[in-house]
Amino acid sequence: MPYACGVVVHLTSALIVRDWLSRYFAVDASPVKHLVMLAPASFGSSLAHMGRSVLGRAMKGFVRRQEGQGR
């Protein structure tokens, strides 16, 4: 391999780079040696919605707070 590089990606581009690497390169032959993903797209949104549901409110004690505030 003539070169190795690092990649910094954000949001959806993290999914694209991961897919590209897994499709076209073996683990030991990847041209990317360092991959930094900033806020990659994931299933975190669905978990956040579940926390706002009745079950989530019941576990928090039915107290309405803005996310990011203390207990």
PDB file of N, CA and C in Angstrom:
ATOM      1  N   MET A   1       0.852  -1.171   0.000  1.00  0.00           N
ATOM      2  CA  MET A   1       0.000   0.000   0.000  1.00  0.00           C
ATOM      3  C   MET A   1       0.902   1.240   0.000  1.00  0.00           C
ATOM      4  N   PRO A   2       0.703   2.121  -0.970  1.00  0.00           N
ATOM      5  CA  PRO A   2       1.602   3.262  -1.103  1.00  0.00           C
ATOM      6  C   PRO A   2       1.377   4.377  -0.091  1.00  0.00           C
ATOM      7  N   TYR A   3       0.199   4.453   0.508  1.00  0.00           N
ATOM      8  CA  TYR A   3      -0.090   5.554   1.437  1.00  0.00           C
ATOM      9  C   TYR A   3      -1.090   5.110   2.494  1.00  0.00           C
ATOM     10  N   ALA A   4      -1.142   5.846   3.568  1.00  0.00           N
ATOM     11  CA  ALA A   4      -2.147   5.651   4.615  1.00  0.00           C
ATOM     12  C   ALA A   4      -2.631   7.028   5.015  1.00  0.00           C
ATOM     13  N   CYS A   5      -3.902   7.144   5.343  1.00  0.00           N
ATOM     14  CA  CYS A   5      -4.434   8.457   5.681  1.00  0.00           C
ATOM     15  C   CYS A   5      -5.360   8.372   6.873  1.00  0.00           C
ATOM     16  N   GLY A   6      -5.738   9.525   7.352  1.00  0.00           N
ATOM     17  CA  GLY A   6      -6.738   9.647   8.396  1.00  0.00           C
ATOM     18  C   GLY A   6      -7.921  10.403   7.829  1.00  0.00           C
ATOM     19  N   VAL A   7      -9.094  10.149   8.362  1.00  0.00           N
ATOM     20  CA  VAL A   7     -10.313  10.789   7.863  1.00  0.00           C
ATOM     21  C   VAL A   7     -11.107  11.304   9.055  1.00  0.00           C
ATOM     22  N   VAL A   8     -11.604  12.536   8.942  1.00  0.00           N
ATOM     23  CA  VAL A   8     -12.507  13.111   9.930  1.00  0.00           C
ATOM     24  C   VAL A   8     -13.839  13.340   9.231  1.00  0.00           C
ATOM     25  N   VAL A   9     -14.911  12.750   9.770  1.00  0.00           N
ATOM     26  CA  VAL A   9     -16.220  12.844   9.123  1.00  0.00           C
ATOM     27  C   VAL A   9     -17.267  13.294  10.132  1.00  0.00           C
ATOM     28  N   HIS A  10     -18.399  13.767   9.616  1.00  0.00           N
ATOM     29  CA  HIS A  10     -19.485  14.270  10.457  1.00  0.00           C
ATOM     30  C   HIS A  10     -20.813  13.732   9.945  1.00  0.00           C
ATOM     31  N   LEU A  11     -21.695  13.369  10.846  1.00  0.00           N
ATOM     32  CA  LEU A  11     -23.050  12.906  10.569  1.00  0.00           C
ATOM     33  C   LEU A  11     -23.112  11.760   9.566  1.00  0.00           C
ATOM     34  N   THR A  12     -23.847  11.929   8.479  1.00  0.00           N
ATOM     35  CA  THR A  12     -24.100  10.838   7.536  1.00  0.00           C
ATOM     36  C   THR A  12     -22.837  10.378   6.819  1.00  0.00           C
ATOM     37  N   SER A  13     -21.871  11.256   6.652  1.00  0.00           N
ATOM     38  CA  SER A  13     -20.636  10.844   5.980  1.00  0.00           C
ATOM     39  C   SER A  13     -19.916   9.745   6.763  1.00  0.00           C
ATOM     40  N   ALA A  14     -20.154   9.642   8.062  1.00  0.00           N
ATOM     41  CA  ALA A  14     -19.567   8.554   8.845  1.00  0.00           C
ATOM     42  C   ALA A  14     -20.103   7.213   8.359  1.00  0.00           C
ATOM     43  N   LEU A  15     -21.403   7.137   8.090  1.00  0.00           N
ATOM     44  CA  LEU A  15     -21.990   5.900   7.568  1.00  0.00           C
ATOM     45  C   LEU A  15     -21.446   5.576   6.182  1.00  0.00           C
ATOM     46  N   ILE A  16     -21.271   6.585   5.358  1.00  0.00           N
ATOM     47  CA  ILE A  16     -20.775   6.380   3.996  1.00  0.00           C
ATOM     48  C   ILE A  16     -19.347   5.858   4.019  1.00  0.00           C
ATOM     49  N   VAL A  17     -18.488   6.455   4.825  1.00  0.00           N
ATOM     50  CA  VAL A  17     -17.092   6.021   4.893  1.00  0.00           C
ATOM     51  C   VAL A  17     -16.994   4.608   5.459  1.00  0.00           C
ATOM     52  N   ARG A  18     -17.765   4.302   6.505  1.00  0.00           N
ATOM     53  CA  ARG A  18     -17.742   2.945   7.064  1.00  0.00           C
ATOM     54  C   ARG A  18     -18.183   1.920   6.031  1.00  0.00           C
ATOM     55  N   ASP A  19     -19.240   2.219   5.273  1.00  0.00           N
ATOM     56  CA  ASP A  19     -19.717   1.311   4.237  1.00  0.00           C
ATOM     57  C   ASP A  19     -18.663   1.138   3.144  1.00  0.00           C
ATOM     58  N   TRP A  20     -18.067   2.225   2.698  1.00  0.00           N
ATOM     59  CA  TRP A  20     -17.033   2.190   1.664  1.00  0.00           C
ATOM     60  C   TRP A  20     -15.855   1.318   2.099  1.00  0.00           C
ATOM     61  N   LEU A  21     -15.426   1.507   3.336  1.00  0.00           N
ATOM     62  CA  LEU A  21     -14.303   0.709   3.836  1.00  0.00           C
ATOM     63  C   LEU A  21     -14.651  -0.774   3.918  1.00  0.00           C
ATOM     64  N   SER A  22     -15.838  -1.088   4.416  1.00  0.00           N
ATOM     65  CA  SER A  22     -16.201  -2.496   4.567  1.00  0.00           C
ATOM     66  C   SER A  22     -16.451  -3.182   3.225  1.00  0.00           C
ATOM     67  N   ARG A  23     -16.918  -2.442   2.221  1.00  0.00           N
ATOM     68  CA  ARG A  23     -17.173  -3.044   0.913  1.00  0.00           C
ATOM     69  C   ARG A  23     -15.906  -3.291   0.099  1.00  0.00           C
ATOM     70  N   TYR A  24     -14.984  -2.348   0.127  1.00  0.00           N
ATOM     71  CA  TYR A  24     -13.889  -2.382  -0.830  1.00  0.00           C
ATOM     72  C   TYR A  24     -12.524  -2.742  -0.249  1.00  0.00           C
ATOM     73  N   PHE A  25     -12.407  -2.860   1.058  1.00  0.00           N
ATOM     74  CA  PHE A  25     -11.091  -3.120   1.635  1.00  0.00           C
ATOM     75  C   PHE A  25     -11.174  -4.170   2.725  1.00  0.00           C
ATOM     76  N   ALA A  26     -10.166  -4.999   2.796  1.00  0.00           N
ATOM     77  CA  ALA A  26     -10.024  -5.913   3.929  1.00  0.00           C
ATOM     78  C   ALA A  26      -9.528  -5.093   5.119  1.00  0.00           C
ATOM     79  N   VAL A  27      -9.718  -5.622   6.312  1.00  0.00           N
ATOM     80  CA  VAL A  27      -9.345  -4.877   7.522  1.00  0.00           C
ATOM     81  C   VAL A  27      -7.865  -4.501   7.508  1.00  0.00           C
ATOM     82  N   ASP A  28      -7.016  -5.394   7.091  1.00  0.00           N
ATOM     83  CA  ASP A  28      -5.573  -5.121   7.107  1.00  0.00           C
ATOM     84  C   ASP A  28      -5.083  -4.391   5.860  1.00  0.00           C
ATOM     85  N   ALA A  29      -5.950  -4.134   4.862  1.00  0.00           N
ATOM     86  CA  ALA A  29      -5.541  -3.465   3.631  1.00  0.00           C
ATOM     87  C   ALA A  29      -6.219  -2.108   3.450  1.00  0.00           C
ATOM     88  N   SER A  30      -6.822  -1.578   4.481  1.00  0.00           N
ATOM     89  CA  SER A  30      -7.537  -0.311   4.381  1.00  0.00           C
ATOM     90  C   SER A  30      -6.556   0.857   4.227  1.00  0.00           C
ATOM     91  N   PRO A  31      -6.849   1.798   3.310  1.00  0.00           N
ATOM     92  CA  PRO A  31      -5.991   2.979   3.202  1.00  0.00           C
ATOM     93  C   PRO A  31      -6.205   3.962   4.353  1.00  0.00           C
ATOM     94  N   VAL A  32      -7.294   3.800   5.095  1.00  0.00           N
ATOM     95  CA  VAL A  32      -7.600   4.686   6.217  1.00  0.00           C
ATOM     96  C   VAL A  32      -7.104   4.031   7.497  1.00  0.00           C
ATOM     97  N   LYS A  33      -6.171   4.672   8.143  1.00  0.00           N
ATOM     98  CA  LYS A  33      -5.622   4.128   9.386  1.00  0.00           C
ATOM     99  C   LYS A  33      -6.243   4.767  10.619  1.00  0.00           C
ATOM    100  N   HIS A  34      -6.766   5.976  10.485  1.00  0.00           N
ATOM    101  CA  HIS A  34      -7.398   6.674  11.599  1.00  0.00           C
ATOM    102  C   HIS A  34      -8.715   7.262  11.110  1.00  0.00           C
ATOM    103  N   LEU A  35      -9.810   6.889  11.762  1.00  0.00           N
ATOM    104  CA  LEU A  35     -11.133   7.392  11.398  1.00  0.00           C
ATOM    105  C   LEU A  35     -11.747   8.057  12.621  1.00  0.00           C
ATOM    106  N   VAL A  36     -12.008   9.355  12.504  1.00  0.00           N
ATOM    107  CA  VAL A  36     -12.618  10.123  13.587  1.00  0.00           C
ATOM    108  C   VAL A  36     -14.023  10.510  13.133  1.00  0.00           C
ATOM    109  N   MET A  37     -15.029  10.057  13.897  1.00  0.00           N
ATOM    110  CA  MET A  37     -16.418  10.359  13.549  1.00  0.00           C
ATOM    111  C   MET A  37     -16.983  11.334  14.574  1.00  0.00           C
ATOM    112  N   LEU A  38     -17.396  12.503  14.108  1.00  0.00           N
ATOM    113  CA  LEU A  38     -18.000  13.522  14.965  1.00  0.00           C
ATOM    114  C   LEU A  38     -19.510  13.461  14.807  1.00  0.00           C
ATOM    115  N   ALA A  39     -20.208  13.132  15.862  1.00  0.00           N
ATOM    116  CA  ALA A  39     -21.670  13.019  15.873  1.00  0.00           C
ATOM    117  C   ALA A  39     -22.176  12.136  14.740  1.00  0.00           C
ATOM    118  N   PRO A  40     -21.717  10.878  14.681  1.00  0.00           N
ATOM    119  CA  PRO A  40     -22.172  10.011  13.593  1.00  0.00           C
ATOM    120  C   PRO A  40     -23.652   9.673  13.733  1.00  0.00           C
ATOM    121  N   ALA A  41     -24.303   9.458  12.605  1.00  0.00           N
ATOM    122  CA  ALA A  41     -25.702   9.043  12.615  1.00  0.00           C
ATOM    123  C   ALA A  41     -25.784   7.654  13.234  1.00  0.00           C
ATOM    124  N   SER A  42     -26.743   7.472  14.129  1.00  0.00           N
ATOM    125  CA  SER A  42     -26.881   6.180  14.799  1.00  0.00           C
ATOM    126  C   SER A  42     -28.329   6.000  15.222  1.00  0.00           C
ATOM    127  N   PHE A  43     -28.589   5.048  16.070  1.00  0.00           N
ATOM    128  CA  PHE A  43     -29.943   4.804  16.542  1.00  0.00           C
ATOM    129  C   PHE A  43     -30.242   5.599  17.815  1.00  0.00           C
ATOM    130  N   GLY A  44     -29.458   6.596  18.129  1.00  0.00           N
ATOM    131  CA  GLY A  44     -29.671   7.385  19.325  1.00  0.00           C
ATOM    132  C   GLY A  44     -30.978   8.157  19.316  1.00  0.00           C
ATOM    133  N   SER A  45     -31.448   8.571  18.145  1.00  0.00           N
ATOM    134  CA  SER A  45     -32.690   9.328  18.053  1.00  0.00           C
ATOM    135  C   SER A  45     -33.876   8.512  18.549  1.00  0.00           C
ATOM    136  N   SER A  46     -33.919   7.244  18.162  1.00  0.00           N
ATOM    137  CA  SER A  46     -35.047   6.423  18.598  1.00  0.00           C
ATOM    138  C   SER A  46     -35.017   6.222  20.103  1.00  0.00           C
ATOM    139  N   LEU A  47     -33.832   6.142  20.685  1.00  0.00           N
ATOM    140  CA  LEU A  47     -33.733   6.025  22.134  1.00  0.00           C
ATOM    141  C   LEU A  47     -34.201   7.307  22.817  1.00  0.00           C
ATOM    142  N   ALA A  48     -33.916   8.451  22.215  1.00  0.00           N
ATOM    143  CA  ALA A  48     -34.369   9.723  22.783  1.00  0.00           C
ATOM    144  C   ALA A  48     -35.888   9.813  22.746  1.00  0.00           C
ATOM    145  N   HIS A  49     -36.496   9.363  21.667  1.00  0.00           N
ATOM    146  CA  HIS A  49     -37.960   9.385  21.577  1.00  0.00           C
ATOM    147  C   HIS A  49     -38.582   8.455  22.610  1.00  0.00           C
ATOM    148  N   MET A  50     -37.957   7.315  22.840  1.00  0.00           N
ATOM    149  CA  MET A  50     -38.482   6.378  23.828  1.00  0.00           C
ATOM    150  C   MET A  50     -38.422   7.001  25.227  1.00  0.00           C
ATOM    151  N   GLY A  51     -37.416   7.797  25.494  1.00  0.00           N
ATOM    152  CA  GLY A  51     -37.304   8.453  26.793  1.00  0.00           C
ATOM    153  C   GLY A  51     -38.401   9.464  27.037  1.00  0.00           C
ATOM    154  N   ARG A  52     -38.993   9.993  25.973  1.00  0.00           N
ATOM    155  CA  ARG A  52     -40.091  10.952  26.107  1.00  0.00           C
ATOM    156  C   ARG A  52     -41.446  10.265  26.218  1.00  0.00           C
ATOM    157  N   SER A  53     -41.482   8.953  26.062  1.00  0.00           N
ATOM    158  CA  SER A  53     -42.741   8.219  26.104  1.00  0.00           C
ATOM    159  C   SER A  53     -43.269   8.119  27.538  1.00  0.00           C
ATOM    160  N   VAL A  54     -44.425   7.525  27.693  1.00  0.00           N
ATOM    161  CA  VAL A  54     -45.032   7.352  29.013  1.00  0.00           C
ATOM    162  C   VAL A  54     -44.105   6.524  29.913  1.00  0.00           C
ATOM    163  N   LEU A  55     -43.529   5.453  29.363  1.00  0.00           N
ATOM    164  CA  LEU A  55     -42.617   4.632  30.149  1.00  0.00           C
ATOM    165  C   LEU A  55     -41.423   5.447  30.619  1.00  0.00           C
ATOM    166  N   GLY A  56     -40.868   6.255  29.718  1.00  0.00           N
ATOM    167  CA  GLY A  56     -39.738   7.092  30.096  1.00  0.00           C
ATOM    168  C   GLY A  56     -40.101   8.097  31.175  1.00  0.00           C
ATOM    169  N   ARG A  57     -41.291   8.698  31.049  1.00  0.00           N
ATOM    170  CA  ARG A  57     -41.733   9.658  32.065  1.00  0.00           C
ATOM    171  C   ARG A  57     -41.987   8.960  33.392  1.00  0.00           C
ATOM    172  N   ALA A  58     -42.521   7.737  33.353  1.00  0.00           N
ATOM    173  CA  ALA A  58     -42.777   6.996  34.587  1.00  0.00           C
ATOM    174  C   ALA A  58     -41.462   6.706  35.313  1.00  0.00           C
ATOM    175  N   MET A  59     -40.437   6.395  34.566  1.00  0.00           N
ATOM    176  CA  MET A  59     -39.156   6.089  35.197  1.00  0.00           C
ATOM    177  C   MET A  59     -38.498   7.343  35.770  1.00  0.00           C
ATOM    178  N   LYS A  60     -38.823   8.512  35.205  1.00  0.00           N
ATOM    179  CA  LYS A  60     -38.278   9.773  35.712  1.00  0.00           C
ATOM    180  C   LYS A  60     -39.158  10.376  36.798  1.00  0.00           C
ATOM    181  N   GLY A  61     -40.311   9.791  37.067  1.00  0.00           N
ATOM    182  CA  GLY A  61     -41.203  10.314  38.095  1.00  0.00           C
ATOM    183  C   GLY A  61     -42.201  11.326  37.579  1.00  0.00           C
ATOM    184  N   PHE A  62     -42.525  11.306  36.283  1.00  0.00           N
ATOM    185  CA  PHE A  62     -43.502  12.197  35.661  1.00  0.00           C
ATOM    186  C   PHE A  62     -43.156  13.676  35.816  1.00  0.00           C
ATOM    187  N   VAL A  63     -41.910  14.004  36.013  1.00  0.00           N
ATOM    188  CA  VAL A  63     -41.485  15.394  36.117  1.00  0.00           C
ATOM    189  C   VAL A  63     -41.099  15.880  34.728  1.00  0.00           C
ATOM    190  N   ARG A  64     -41.706  16.977  34.280  1.00  0.00           N
ATOM    191  CA  ARG A  64     -41.405  17.521  32.955  1.00  0.00           C
ATOM    192  C   ARG A  64     -40.199  18.441  33.043  1.00  0.00           C
ATOM    193  N   ARG A  65     -39.114  18.067  32.412  1.00  0.00           N
ATOM    194  CA  ARG A  65     -37.888  18.874  32.379  1.00  0.00           C
ATOM    195  C   ARG A  65     -37.400  18.945  30.938  1.00  0.00           C
ATOM    196  N   GLN A  66     -36.645  19.962  30.665  1.00  0.00           N
ATOM    197  CA  GLN A  66     -35.958  20.047  29.399  1.00  0.00           C
ATOM    198  C   GLN A  66     -34.767  19.111  29.433  1.00  0.00           C
ATOM    199  N   GLU A  67     -34.462  18.469  28.289  1.00  0.00           N
ATOM    200  CA  GLU A  67     -33.287  17.620  28.226  1.00  0.00           C
ATOM    201  C   GLU A  67     -32.050  18.468  28.452  1.00  0.00           C
ATOM    202  N   GLY A  68     -31.080  17.902  29.109  1.00  0.00           N
ATOM    203  CA  GLY A  68     -29.833  18.603  29.381  1.00  0.00           C
ATOM    204  C   GLY A  68     -29.806  19.280  30.742  1.00  0.00           C
ATOM    205  N   GLN A  69     -30.942  19.332  31.428  1.00  0.00           N
ATOM    206  CA  GLN A  69     -30.962  19.928  32.757  1.00  0.00           C
ATOM    207  C   GLN A  69     -30.686  18.867  33.804  1.00  0.00           C
ATOM    208  N   GLY A  70     -30.244  19.284  34.935  1.00  0.00           N
ATOM    209  CA  GLY A  70     -29.928  18.348  36.013  1.00  0.00           C
ATOM    210  C   GLY A  70     -31.151  17.649  36.569  1.00  0.00           C
ATOM    211  N   ARG A  71     -30.917  16.710  37.449  1.00  0.00           N
ATOM    212  CA  ARG A  71     -32.019  15.943  38.052  1.00  0.00           C
ATOM    213  C   ARG A  71     -32.669  16.804  39.050  1.00  0.00           C
TER     214      ARG A  71
END
